[in-house]
PDB file of N, CA and C in Angstrom:
ATOM      1  N   VAL A   1     -17.345  -2.378  10.267  1.00  0.00           N
ATOM      2  CA  VAL A   1     -16.076  -3.012   9.954  1.00  0.00           C
ATOM      3  C   VAL A   1     -14.959  -2.034  10.320  1.00  0.00           C
ATOM      4  N   ALA A   2     -13.876  -2.583  10.853  1.00  0.00           N
ATOM      5  CA  ALA A   2     -12.731  -1.758  11.220  1.00  0.00           C
ATOM      6  C   ALA A   2     -11.465  -2.602  11.144  1.00  0.00           C
ATOM      7  N   TYR A   3     -10.348  -1.940  10.964  1.00  0.00           N
ATOM      8  CA  TYR A   3      -9.029  -2.579  10.962  1.00  0.00           C
ATOM      9  C   TYR A   3      -8.160  -1.860  11.981  1.00  0.00           C
ATOM     10  N   ASP A   4      -7.251  -2.600  12.617  1.00  0.00           N
ATOM     11  CA  ASP A   4      -6.237  -1.952  13.427  1.00  0.00           C
ATOM     12  C   ASP A   4      -5.331  -1.167  12.482  1.00  0.00           C
ATOM     13  N   PRO A   5      -4.650  -0.134  12.981  1.00  0.00           N
ATOM     14  CA  PRO A   5      -3.725   0.606  12.113  1.00  0.00           C
ATOM     15  C   PRO A   5      -2.701  -0.338  11.477  1.00  0.00           C
ATOM     16  N   ILE A   6      -2.449  -0.138  10.192  1.00  0.00           N
ATOM     17  CA  ILE A   6      -1.482  -0.962   9.470  1.00  0.00           C
ATOM     18  C   ILE A   6      -0.122  -0.269   9.570  1.00  0.00           C
ATOM     19  N   PRO A   7       0.877  -0.949  10.169  1.00  0.00           N
ATOM     20  CA  PRO A   7       2.192  -0.314  10.299  1.00  0.00           C
ATOM     21  C   PRO A   7       2.800   0.001   8.923  1.00  0.00           C
ATOM     22  N   ALA A   8       3.548   1.094   8.863  1.00  0.00           N
ATOM     23  CA  ALA A   8       4.256   1.434   7.627  1.00  0.00           C
ATOM     24  C   ALA A   8       5.239   0.320   7.296  1.00  0.00           C
ATOM     25  N   THR A   9       5.468   0.139   6.004  1.00  0.00           N
ATOM     26  CA  THR A   9       6.415  -0.880   5.565  1.00  0.00           C
ATOM     27  C   THR A   9       7.256  -0.317   4.432  1.00  0.00           C
ATOM     28  N   ASN A  10       8.266  -1.069   4.039  1.00  0.00           N
ATOM     29  CA  ASN A  10       9.127  -0.691   2.921  1.00  0.00           C
ATOM     30  C   ASN A  10       8.857  -1.603   1.740  1.00  0.00           C
ATOM     31  N   VAL A  11       9.223  -1.149   0.569  1.00  0.00           N
ATOM     32  CA  VAL A  11       9.076  -1.945  -0.652  1.00  0.00           C
ATOM     33  C   VAL A  11       9.720  -3.312  -0.428  1.00  0.00           C
ATOM     34  N   GLY A  12       8.981  -4.365  -0.765  1.00  0.00           N
ATOM     35  CA  GLY A  12       9.498  -5.724  -0.672  1.00  0.00           C
ATOM     36  C   GLY A  12       9.290  -6.398   0.665  1.00  0.00           C
ATOM     37  N   TYR A  13       8.787  -5.680   1.663  1.00  0.00           N
ATOM     38  CA  TYR A  13       8.560  -6.257   2.985  1.00  0.00           C
ATOM     39  C   TYR A  13       7.069  -6.458   3.227  1.00  0.00           C
ATOM     40  N   SER A  14       6.714  -7.579   3.815  1.00  0.00           N
ATOM     41  CA  SER A  14       5.315  -7.920   4.059  1.00  0.00           C
ATOM     42  C   SER A  14       4.650  -6.931   5.010  1.00  0.00           C
ATOM     43  N   ILE A  15       3.376  -6.659   4.759  1.00  0.00           N
ATOM     44  CA  ILE A  15       2.601  -5.845   5.694  1.00  0.00           C
ATOM     45  C   ILE A  15       1.903  -6.730   6.729  1.00  0.00           C
ATOM     46  N   GLY A  16       2.137  -8.043   6.658  1.00  0.00           N
ATOM     47  CA  GLY A  16       1.513  -8.964   7.609  1.00  0.00           C
ATOM     48  C   GLY A  16       0.073  -9.267   7.204  1.00  0.00           C
ATOM     49  N   LYS A  17      -0.664  -9.886   8.133  1.00  0.00           N
ATOM     50  CA  LYS A  17      -2.076 -10.191   7.903  1.00  0.00           C
ATOM     51  C   LYS A  17      -2.909  -9.213   8.712  1.00  0.00           C
ATOM     52  N   ASN A  18      -3.653  -8.406   8.028  1.00  0.00           N
ATOM     53  CA  ASN A  18      -4.491  -7.404   8.671  1.00  0.00           C
ATOM     54  C   ASN A  18      -5.939  -7.824   8.526  1.00  0.00           C
ATOM     55  N   LYS A  19      -6.512  -8.335   9.618  1.00  0.00           N
ATOM     56  CA  LYS A  19      -7.871  -8.875   9.596  1.00  0.00           C
ATOM     57  C   LYS A  19      -8.867  -7.819  10.053  1.00  0.00           C
ATOM     58  N   PRO A  20     -10.051  -7.822   9.445  1.00  0.00           N
ATOM     59  CA  PRO A  20     -11.074  -6.862   9.866  1.00  0.00           C
ATOM     60  C   PRO A  20     -11.733  -7.290  11.178  1.00  0.00           C
ATOM     61  N   ARG A  21     -12.221  -6.295  11.914  1.00  0.00           N
ATOM     62  CA  ARG A  21     -13.076  -6.552  13.071  1.00  0.00           C
ATOM     63  C   ARG A  21     -14.511  -6.275  12.621  1.00  0.00           C
ATOM     64  N   ILE A  22     -15.371  -7.239  12.850  1.00  0.00           N
ATOM     65  CA  ILE A  22     -16.752  -7.153  12.378  1.00  0.00           C
ATOM     66  C   ILE A  22     -17.706  -7.113  13.559  1.00  0.00           C
ATOM     67  N   VAL A  23     -18.666  -6.212  13.501  1.00  0.00           N
ATOM     68  CA  VAL A  23     -19.759  -6.167  14.469  1.00  0.00           C
ATOM     69  C   VAL A  23     -21.034  -6.412  13.673  1.00  0.00           C
ATOM     70  N   GLY A  24     -21.813  -7.403  14.082  1.00  0.00           N
ATOM     71  CA  GLY A  24     -23.027  -7.733  13.336  1.00  0.00           C
ATOM     72  C   GLY A  24     -22.789  -8.921  12.427  1.00  0.00           C
ATOM     73  N   GLY A  25     -23.584  -9.040  11.398  1.00  0.00           N
ATOM     74  CA  GLY A  25     -23.487 -10.173  10.480  1.00  0.00           C
ATOM     75  C   GLY A  25     -22.227 -10.135   9.637  1.00  0.00           C
ATOM     76  N   TRP A  26     -21.701 -11.328   9.339  1.00  0.00           N
ATOM     77  CA  TRP A  26     -20.477 -11.423   8.537  1.00  0.00           C
ATOM     78  C   TRP A  26     -20.762 -11.027   7.093  1.00  0.00           C
ATOM     79  N   PRO A  27     -19.886 -10.224   6.498  1.00  0.00           N
ATOM     80  CA  PRO A  27     -20.071  -9.806   5.108  1.00  0.00           C
ATOM     81  C   PRO A  27     -19.954 -10.961   4.121  1.00  0.00           C
ATOM     82  N   ASN A  28     -20.675 -10.830   3.017  1.00  0.00           N
ATOM     83  CA  ASN A  28     -20.549 -11.766   1.895  1.00  0.00           C
ATOM     84  C   ASN A  28     -19.314 -11.469   1.073  1.00  0.00           C
ATOM     85  N   ARG A  29     -18.919 -10.193   1.066  1.00  0.00           N
ATOM     86  CA  ARG A  29     -17.742  -9.810   0.293  1.00  0.00           C
ATOM     87  C   ARG A  29     -17.149  -8.515   0.815  1.00  0.00           C
ATOM     88  N   PHE A  30     -15.857  -8.357   0.531  1.00  0.00           N
ATOM     89  CA  PHE A  30     -15.110  -7.144   0.846  1.00  0.00           C
ATOM     90  C   PHE A  30     -14.564  -6.604  -0.464  1.00  0.00           C
ATOM     91  N   PHE A  31     -14.496  -5.278  -0.581  1.00  0.00           N
ATOM     92  CA  PHE A  31     -13.931  -4.688  -1.798  1.00  0.00           C
ATOM     93  C   PHE A  31     -13.484  -3.259  -1.511  1.00  0.00           C
ATOM     94  N   SER A  32     -12.687  -2.730  -2.419  1.00  0.00           N
ATOM     95  CA  SER A  32     -12.230  -1.347  -2.346  1.00  0.00           C
ATOM     96  C   SER A  32     -12.597  -0.679  -3.664  1.00  0.00           C
ATOM     97  N   ASP A  33     -12.904   0.613  -3.599  1.00  0.00           N
ATOM     98  CA  ASP A  33     -13.248   1.312  -4.839  1.00  0.00           C
ATOM     99  C   ASP A  33     -12.017   1.788  -5.602  1.00  0.00           C
ATOM    100  N   THR A  34     -10.839   1.656  -4.992  1.00  0.00           N
ATOM    101  CA  THR A  34      -9.587   1.981  -5.680  1.00  0.00           C
ATOM    102  C   THR A  34      -8.596   0.835  -5.473  1.00  0.00           C
ATOM    103  N   ALA A  35      -7.685   0.707  -6.388  1.00  0.00           N
ATOM    104  CA  ALA A  35      -6.685  -0.365  -6.295  1.00  0.00           C
ATOM    105  C   ALA A  35      -5.739  -0.099  -5.127  1.00  0.00           C
ATOM    106  N   LEU A  36      -5.424  -1.156  -4.390  1.00  0.00           N
ATOM    107  CA  LEU A  36      -4.422  -1.061  -3.333  1.00  0.00           C
ATOM    108  C   LEU A  36      -3.040  -0.996  -3.985  1.00  0.00           C
ATOM    109  N   PRO A  37      -2.003  -0.644  -3.236  1.00  0.00           N
ATOM    110  CA  PRO A  37      -0.664  -0.579  -3.833  1.00  0.00           C
ATOM    111  C   PRO A  37      -0.288  -1.911  -4.494  1.00  0.00           C
ATOM    112  N   PRO A  38       0.449  -1.856  -5.607  1.00  0.00           N
ATOM    113  CA  PRO A  38       0.870  -3.095  -6.273  1.00  0.00           C
ATOM    114  C   PRO A  38       1.576  -4.035  -5.300  1.00  0.00           C
ATOM    115  N   GLY A  39       1.146  -5.301  -5.288  1.00  0.00           N
ATOM    116  CA  GLY A  39       1.713  -6.299  -4.401  1.00  0.00           C
ATOM    117  C   GLY A  39       0.908  -6.501  -3.126  1.00  0.00           C
ATOM    118  N   ILE A  40      -0.038  -5.614  -2.846  1.00  0.00           N
ATOM    119  CA  ILE A  40      -0.905  -5.730  -1.670  1.00  0.00           C
ATOM    120  C   ILE A  40      -2.314  -6.054  -2.157  1.00  0.00           C
ATOM    121  N   SER A  41      -2.965  -6.992  -1.476  1.00  0.00           N
ATOM    122  CA  SER A  41      -4.299  -7.385  -1.924  1.00  0.00           C
ATOM    123  C   SER A  41      -5.284  -7.450  -0.771  1.00  0.00           C
ATOM    124  N   LEU A  42      -6.548  -7.341  -1.127  1.00  0.00           N
ATOM    125  CA  LEU A  42      -7.671  -7.465  -0.209  1.00  0.00           C
ATOM    126  C   LEU A  42      -8.392  -8.760  -0.557  1.00  0.00           C
ATOM    127  N   ASN A  43      -8.444  -9.699   0.390  1.00  0.00           N
ATOM    128  CA  ASN A  43      -9.144 -10.955   0.154  1.00  0.00           C
ATOM    129  C   ASN A  43     -10.644 -10.654   0.156  1.00  0.00           C
ATOM    130  N   PRO A  44     -11.344 -10.937  -0.948  1.00  0.00           N
ATOM    131  CA  PRO A  44     -12.761 -10.580  -1.039  1.00  0.00           C
ATOM    132  C   PRO A  44     -13.672 -11.399  -0.128  1.00  0.00           C
ATOM    133  N   THR A  45     -13.186 -12.521   0.392  1.00  0.00           N
ATOM    134  CA  THR A  45     -13.999 -13.372   1.264  1.00  0.00           C
ATOM    135  C   THR A  45     -13.725 -13.107   2.743  1.00  0.00           C
ATOM    136  N   THR A  46     -12.452 -12.995   3.118  1.00  0.00           N
ATOM    137  CA  THR A  46     -12.089 -12.834   4.527  1.00  0.00           C
ATOM    138  C   THR A  46     -11.866 -11.386   4.931  1.00  0.00           C
ATOM    139  N   GLY A  47     -11.601 -10.517   3.967  1.00  0.00           N
ATOM    140  CA  GLY A  47     -11.306  -9.123   4.264  1.00  0.00           C
ATOM    141  C   GLY A  47      -9.875  -8.866   4.682  1.00  0.00           C
ATOM    142  N   GLU A  48      -9.029  -9.917   4.702  1.00  0.00           N
ATOM    143  CA  GLU A  48      -7.631  -9.719   5.085  1.00  0.00           C
ATOM    144  C   GLU A  48      -6.899  -8.883   4.045  1.00  0.00           C
ATOM    145  N   ILE A  49      -6.087  -7.963   4.527  1.00  0.00           N
ATOM    146  CA  ILE A  49      -5.212  -7.164   3.667  1.00  0.00           C
ATOM    147  C   ILE A  49      -3.805  -7.701   3.889  1.00  0.00           C
ATOM    148  N   THR A  50      -3.182  -8.221   2.831  1.00  0.00           N
ATOM    149  CA  THR A  50      -1.874  -8.862   2.941  1.00  0.00           C
ATOM    150  C   THR A  50      -1.016  -8.510   1.730  1.00  0.00           C
ATOM    151  N   GLY A  51       0.249  -8.910   1.803  1.00  0.00           N
ATOM    152  CA  GLY A  51       1.131  -8.793   0.654  1.00  0.00           C
ATOM    153  C   GLY A  51       2.409  -8.045   0.966  1.00  0.00           C
ATOM    154  N   SER A  52       3.242  -7.953  -0.057  1.00  0.00           N
ATOM    155  CA  SER A  52       4.504  -7.221   0.003  1.00  0.00           C
ATOM    156  C   SER A  52       4.493  -6.200  -1.132  1.00  0.00           C
ATOM    157  N   PRO A  53       4.518  -4.922  -0.814  1.00  0.00           N
ATOM    158  CA  PRO A  53       4.411  -3.903  -1.853  1.00  0.00           C
ATOM    159  C   PRO A  53       5.591  -3.925  -2.819  1.00  0.00           C
ATOM    160  N   LEU A  54       5.297  -3.600  -4.055  1.00  0.00           N
ATOM    161  CA  LEU A  54       6.296  -3.620  -5.121  1.00  0.00           C
ATOM    162  C   LEU A  54       6.880  -2.240  -5.416  1.00  0.00           C
ATOM    163  N   SER A  55       6.191  -1.188  -4.975  1.00  0.00           N
ATOM    164  CA  SER A  55       6.695   0.166  -5.217  1.00  0.00           C
ATOM    165  C   SER A  55       6.253   1.093  -4.094  1.00  0.00           C
ATOM    166  N   ALA A  56       7.013   2.141  -3.900  1.00  0.00           N
ATOM    167  CA  ALA A  56       6.707   3.108  -2.847  1.00  0.00           C
ATOM    168  C   ALA A  56       5.515   3.963  -3.258  1.00  0.00           C
ATOM    169  N   THR A  57       4.631   4.211  -2.316  1.00  0.00           N
ATOM    170  CA  THR A  57       3.455   5.040  -2.578  1.00  0.00           C
ATOM    171  C   THR A  57       3.320   6.161  -1.558  1.00  0.00           C
ATOM    172  N   GLY A  58       4.149   6.131  -0.503  1.00  0.00           N
ATOM    173  CA  GLY A  58       3.936   7.065   0.590  1.00  0.00           C
ATOM    174  C   GLY A  58       2.702   6.632   1.370  1.00  0.00           C
ATOM    175  N   ALA A  59       2.114   7.540   2.113  1.00  0.00           N
ATOM    176  CA  ALA A  59       0.909   7.230   2.895  1.00  0.00           C
ATOM    177  C   ALA A  59      -0.323   7.578   2.072  1.00  0.00           C
ATOM    178  N   LYS A  60      -1.204   6.607   1.897  1.00  0.00           N
ATOM    179  CA  LYS A  60      -2.450   6.831   1.155  1.00  0.00           C
ATOM    180  C   LYS A  60      -3.596   6.172   1.891  1.00  0.00           C
ATOM    181  N   ASN A  61      -4.761   6.788   1.783  1.00  0.00           N
ATOM    182  CA  ASN A  61      -5.974   6.239   2.375  1.00  0.00           C
ATOM    183  C   ASN A  61      -6.746   5.434   1.341  1.00  0.00           C
ATOM    184  N   TYR A  62      -7.316   4.319   1.804  1.00  0.00           N
ATOM    185  CA  TYR A  62      -8.122   3.444   0.957  1.00  0.00           C
ATOM    186  C   TYR A  62      -9.428   3.141   1.684  1.00  0.00           C
ATOM    187  N   VAL A  63     -10.541   3.226   0.971  1.00  0.00           N
ATOM    188  CA  VAL A  63     -11.837   2.902   1.558  1.00  0.00           C
ATOM    189  C   VAL A  63     -12.120   1.425   1.283  1.00  0.00           C
ATOM    190  N   ILE A  64     -12.345   0.673   2.369  1.00  0.00           N
ATOM    191  CA  ILE A  64     -12.653  -0.752   2.280  1.00  0.00           C
ATOM    192  C   ILE A  64     -14.133  -0.925   2.619  1.00  0.00           C
ATOM    193  N   TYR A  65     -14.843  -1.641   1.763  1.00  0.00           N
ATOM    194  CA  TYR A  65     -16.272  -1.879   1.951  1.00  0.00           C
ATOM    195  C   TYR A  65     -16.506  -3.329   2.350  1.00  0.00           C
ATOM    196  N   ALA A  66     -17.494  -3.531   3.225  1.00  0.00           N
ATOM    197  CA  ALA A  66     -17.953  -4.864   3.608  1.00  0.00           C
ATOM    198  C   ALA A  66     -19.454  -4.903   3.319  1.00  0.00           C
ATOM    199  N   GLN A  67     -19.874  -5.944   2.608  1.00  0.00           N
ATOM    200  CA  GLN A  67     -21.265  -6.004   2.152  1.00  0.00           C
ATOM    201  C   GLN A  67     -21.882  -7.347   2.489  1.00  0.00           C
ATOM    202  N   ASN A  68     -23.139  -7.305   2.966  1.00  0.00           N
ATOM    203  CA  ASN A  68     -23.927  -8.532   3.119  1.00  0.00           C
ATOM    204  C   ASN A  68     -25.354  -8.241   2.670  1.00  0.00           C
ATOM    205  N   ASP A  69     -26.274  -9.158   2.938  1.00  0.00           N
ATOM    206  CA  ASP A  69     -27.656  -9.000   2.460  1.00  0.00           C
ATOM    207  C   ASP A  69     -28.372  -7.806   3.091  1.00  0.00           C
ATOM    208  N   ILE A  70     -27.903  -7.353   4.231  1.00  0.00           N
ATOM    209  CA  ILE A  70     -28.530  -6.239   4.936  1.00  0.00           C
ATOM    210  C   ILE A  70     -28.077  -4.891   4.377  1.00  0.00           C
ATOM    211  N   GLY A  71     -26.817  -4.822   3.941  1.00  0.00           N
ATOM    212  CA  GLY A  71     -26.314  -3.558   3.425  1.00  0.00           C
ATOM    213  C   GLY A  71     -24.806  -3.536   3.310  1.00  0.00           C
ATOM    214  N   THR A  72     -24.277  -2.331   3.166  1.00  0.00           N
ATOM    215  CA  THR A  72     -22.846  -2.116   2.974  1.00  0.00           C
ATOM    216  C   THR A  72     -22.347  -1.094   3.980  1.00  0.00           C
ATOM    217  N   VAL A  73     -21.193  -1.384   4.577  1.00  0.00           N
ATOM    218  CA  VAL A  73     -20.525  -0.430   5.459  1.00  0.00           C
ATOM    219  C   VAL A  73     -19.102  -0.243   4.940  1.00  0.00           C
ATOM    220  N   ASN A  74     -18.451   0.812   5.388  1.00  0.00           N
ATOM    221  CA  ASN A  74     -17.071   1.033   4.932  1.00  0.00           C
ATOM    222  C   ASN A  74     -16.229   1.599   6.047  1.00  0.00           C
ATOM    223  N   THR A  75     -14.942   1.508   5.844  1.00  0.00           N
ATOM    224  CA  THR A  75     -13.952   2.090   6.744  1.00  0.00           C
ATOM    225  C   THR A  75     -12.762   2.524   5.902  1.00  0.00           C
ATOM    226  N   THR A  76     -11.976   3.421   6.436  1.00  0.00           N
ATOM    227  CA  THR A  76     -10.786   3.894   5.730  1.00  0.00           C
ATOM    228  C   THR A  76      -9.545   3.348   6.416  1.00  0.00           C
ATOM    229  N   VAL A  77      -8.639   2.795   5.615  1.00  0.00           N
ATOM    230  CA  VAL A  77      -7.352   2.337   6.131  1.00  0.00           C
ATOM    231  C   VAL A  77      -6.257   3.153   5.453  1.00  0.00           C
ATOM    232  N   THR A  78      -5.192   3.385   6.182  1.00  0.00           N
ATOM    233  CA  THR A  78      -4.029   4.073   5.623  1.00  0.00           C
ATOM    234  C   THR A  78      -2.928   3.043   5.435  1.00  0.00           C
ATOM    235  N   ILE A  79      -2.401   2.991   4.222  1.00  0.00           N
ATOM    236  CA  ILE A  79      -1.280   2.105   3.927  1.00  0.00           C
ATOM    237  C   ILE A  79      -0.105   2.986   3.516  1.00  0.00           C
ATOM    238  N   THR A  80       1.008   2.823   4.234  1.00  0.00           N
ATOM    239  CA  THR A  80       2.212   3.611   3.966  1.00  0.00           C
ATOM    240  C   THR A  80       3.308   2.679   3.468  1.00  0.00           C
ATOM    241  N   VAL A  81       3.792   2.954   2.258  1.00  0.00           N
ATOM    242  CA  VAL A  81       4.879   2.161   1.679  1.00  0.00           C
ATOM    243  C   VAL A  81       6.029   3.100   1.352  1.00  0.00           C
ATOM    244  N   ASN A  82       7.155   2.857   2.020  1.00  0.00           N
ATOM    245  CA  ASN A  82       8.355   3.666   1.817  1.00  0.00           C
ATOM    246  C   ASN A  82       9.360   2.916   0.945  1.00  0.00           C
ATOM    247  N   GLU A  83      10.279   3.685   0.358  1.00  0.00           N
ATOM    248  CA  GLU A  83      11.371   3.080  -0.398  1.00  0.00           C
ATOM    249  C   GLU A  83      12.223   2.239   0.551  1.00  0.00           C
ATOM    250  N   SER A  84      12.738   1.135   0.067  1.00  0.00           N
ATOM    251  CA  SER A  84      13.721   0.365   0.843  1.00  0.00           C
ATOM    252  C   SER A  84      15.043   1.087   0.714  1.00  0.00           C
ATOM    253  N   SER A  85      15.804   1.088   1.778  1.00  0.00           N
ATOM    254  CA  SER A  85      17.101   1.765   1.716  1.00  0.00           C
ATOM    255  C   SER A  85      18.218   0.758   1.932  1.00  0.00           C
ATOM    256  N   ALA A  86      19.288   0.996   1.246  1.00  0.00           N
ATOM    257  CA  ALA A  86      20.478   0.147   1.399  1.00  0.00           C
ATOM    258  C   ALA A  86      21.150   0.524   2.710  1.00  0.00           C
ATOM    259  N   PRO A  87      21.894  -0.403   3.285  1.00  0.00           N
ATOM    260  CA  PRO A  87      22.633  -0.072   4.497  1.00  0.00           C
ATOM    261  C   PRO A  87      23.594   1.081   4.220  1.00  0.00           C
ATOM    262  N   SER A  88      23.786   1.932   5.224  1.00  0.00           N
ATOM    263  CA  SER A  88      24.667   3.097   5.009  1.00  0.00           C
ATOM    264  C   SER A  88      26.131   2.680   4.956  1.00  0.00           C
ATOM    265  N   SER A  89      26.470   1.587   5.611  1.00  0.00           N
ATOM    266  CA  SER A  89      27.839   1.080   5.531  1.00  0.00           C
ATOM    267  C   SER A  89      27.859  -0.391   5.924  1.00  0.00           C
ATOM    268  N   ILE A  90      28.845  -1.072   5.407  1.00  0.00           N
ATOM    269  CA  ILE A  90      29.043  -2.481   5.749  1.00  0.00           C
ATOM    270  C   ILE A  90      30.469  -2.606   6.270  1.00  0.00           C
ATOM    271  N   THR A  91      30.605  -3.218   7.435  1.00  0.00           N
ATOM    272  CA  THR A  91      31.925  -3.393   8.047  1.00  0.00           C
ATOM    273  C   THR A  91      32.237  -4.861   8.153  1.00  0.00           C
ATOM    274  N   TYR A  92      33.465  -5.235   7.789  1.00  0.00           N
ATOM    275  CA  TYR A  92      33.905  -6.624   7.903  1.00  0.00           C
ATOM    276  C   TYR A  92      34.945  -6.738   8.967  1.00  0.00           C
TER     277      TYR A  92
END
């Protein structure tokens, strides 16, 4: 199982749909041994990582597991969530 790199995002902005690439049999379930950033979720059936983060975490690595009747494999994804910044100036 593998994921394309997940682009960095800011608090409140979607990380898009990040689908796993699978070689071999399709997993029965996907899971992580640690919680993803608040507002971001891992779909246990499809393996998609989606959502809009609620707080900044910086760059962190998460191990994602894919499991089927044959066994379990894992991969590491990096999710970077930065603070949202206000515009530096507004001109009318």
